[in-house]
Every structure is written in structure tokens, then in C-alpha cells.
Protein backbone atom coordinates (compact mmCIF):
# COMPACT_ATOMS: atom_id res chain seq x y z
CA GLN A 1 64.59 -69.50 -13.14
CA ARG A 2 64.15 -67.01 -15.96
CA ALA A 3 62.75 -63.55 -15.33
CA LEU A 4 60.81 -62.61 -18.46
CA GLY A 5 63.55 -60.92 -20.42
CA ASP A 6 65.46 -59.31 -17.54
CA ALA A 7 69.10 -59.75 -18.56
CA ASP A 8 70.34 -58.94 -15.05
CA ALA A 9 68.18 -61.34 -12.99
CA VAL A 10 70.10 -63.83 -10.85
CA SER A 11 68.52 -66.57 -8.72
CA PHE A 12 70.24 -65.96 -5.41
CA GLY A 13 69.49 -68.74 -2.93
CA ASP A 14 69.79 -71.47 -5.56
CA TYR A 15 72.44 -73.89 -4.24
CA HIS A 16 73.21 -75.49 -7.59
CA LEU A 17 73.50 -72.22 -9.49
CA ALA A 18 75.99 -70.73 -7.03
CA ARG A 19 78.01 -73.94 -7.03
CA LEU A 20 78.11 -74.06 -10.84
CA VAL A 21 79.18 -70.43 -11.30
CA ILE A 22 81.79 -70.55 -8.53
CA PHE A 23 83.25 -73.79 -9.92
CA THR A 24 83.35 -72.39 -13.46
CA LEU A 25 85.08 -69.15 -12.47
CA THR A 26 87.36 -70.29 -9.63
CA GLY A 27 87.62 -74.08 -9.70
CA ARG A 28 86.37 -74.39 -6.09
CA ARG A 29 83.58 -76.85 -5.37
CA ASP A 30 81.47 -74.86 -2.90
CA GLY A 31 80.61 -71.25 -2.19
CA THR A 32 78.01 -68.82 -0.91
CA ASP A 33 75.59 -66.36 -2.46
CA GLU A 34 77.85 -63.52 -1.35
CA GLU A 35 80.72 -65.02 -3.35
CA LEU A 36 78.37 -65.52 -6.30
CA ALA A 37 77.36 -61.84 -6.20
CA GLU A 38 81.02 -60.80 -5.98
CA LEU A 39 82.03 -62.98 -8.94
CA LEU A 40 79.13 -61.75 -11.09
CA GLU A 41 79.75 -58.06 -10.33
CA PRO A 42 81.85 -57.51 -13.51
CA PHE A 43 78.85 -58.78 -15.51
CA ARG A 44 76.35 -56.32 -13.92
CA GLY A 45 73.61 -55.58 -16.41
CA GLN A 46 74.10 -58.95 -18.12
CA ARG A 47 74.38 -61.31 -15.13
CA TYR A 48 71.59 -63.67 -16.23
CA ARG A 49 73.14 -64.00 -19.66
CA ALA A 50 76.56 -64.66 -18.10
CA VAL A 51 75.11 -67.35 -15.84
CA ARG A 52 73.34 -68.93 -18.81
CA MET A 53 76.63 -69.05 -20.74
CA PHE A 54 78.29 -70.77 -17.76
CA GLU A 55 75.47 -73.34 -17.72
CA LEU A 56 75.87 -74.02 -21.43
CA HIS A 57 79.66 -74.25 -21.10
CA GLY A 58 79.23 -77.63 -19.41
CA ALA A 59 81.93 -77.38 -16.73
CA LYS A 60 80.69 -79.21 -13.65
CA PRO A 61 82.44 -80.43 -10.51
CA GLU A 62 83.14 -84.15 -10.39
CA ARG A 63 80.69 -86.24 -8.46
CA ARG A 64 81.86 -87.28 -5.02
CA GLY A 65 80.42 -90.73 -4.49
CA PRO A 66 79.84 -93.93 -6.43
CA ARG A 67 76.71 -94.37 -8.49
CA MET A 68 73.80 -96.21 -6.97
CA SER A 69 73.41 -99.77 -8.12
CA VAL A 70 70.29 -100.66 -10.07
CA PRO A 71 67.95 -102.85 -8.02
CA ALA A 72 67.02 -106.16 -9.61
CA HIS A 73 63.25 -106.00 -10.13
CA ARG A 74 62.13 -109.34 -11.41
CA TYR A 75 58.42 -109.66 -11.27
CA GLY A 76 57.09 -113.13 -10.64
CA GLN A 77 60.46 -114.48 -9.48
CA SER A 78 61.88 -114.75 -6.00
């Protein structure tokens, strides 16, 4: 996802990236690439660095469903 030193490169079309940035800046769970571009406009020239800081910040939306149970794999037993 990195563009060889380009500080303004943004991966538009990446579902998880848009969701992360929109959640970090607005608190909403979902959004579009158009909203992502609008929110990153104040960071023009440094958009990749801004997105990277949001990733490192660690704010993520809560998960929606329960965790999957671990299947019981017991080899040699029925």
C-alpha cells in the first residue's frame, strides 16, 4: 500500500482503509471513497502520512458479531 516515498499517495478503493479513516475522524462505521477524499483534503500533500498516523493511532470500530468458536480437532479420537 506504500508508494515508494510519495507522501501524498492514498489507496482509494481499499475498503478497510476508508473505513478506518472515516471512523477515526468522524466516529461513523462506514463510508465511501468520496468521503475519504473529502476528509483527507486538509492533509493534501501529506495524505499518506496522515493515513499512516491514523493506522498507528489504533482507533478501530468495534466488531459486530461474536467470535468463532475453535473446532475441537482431536486426532485419533472420535
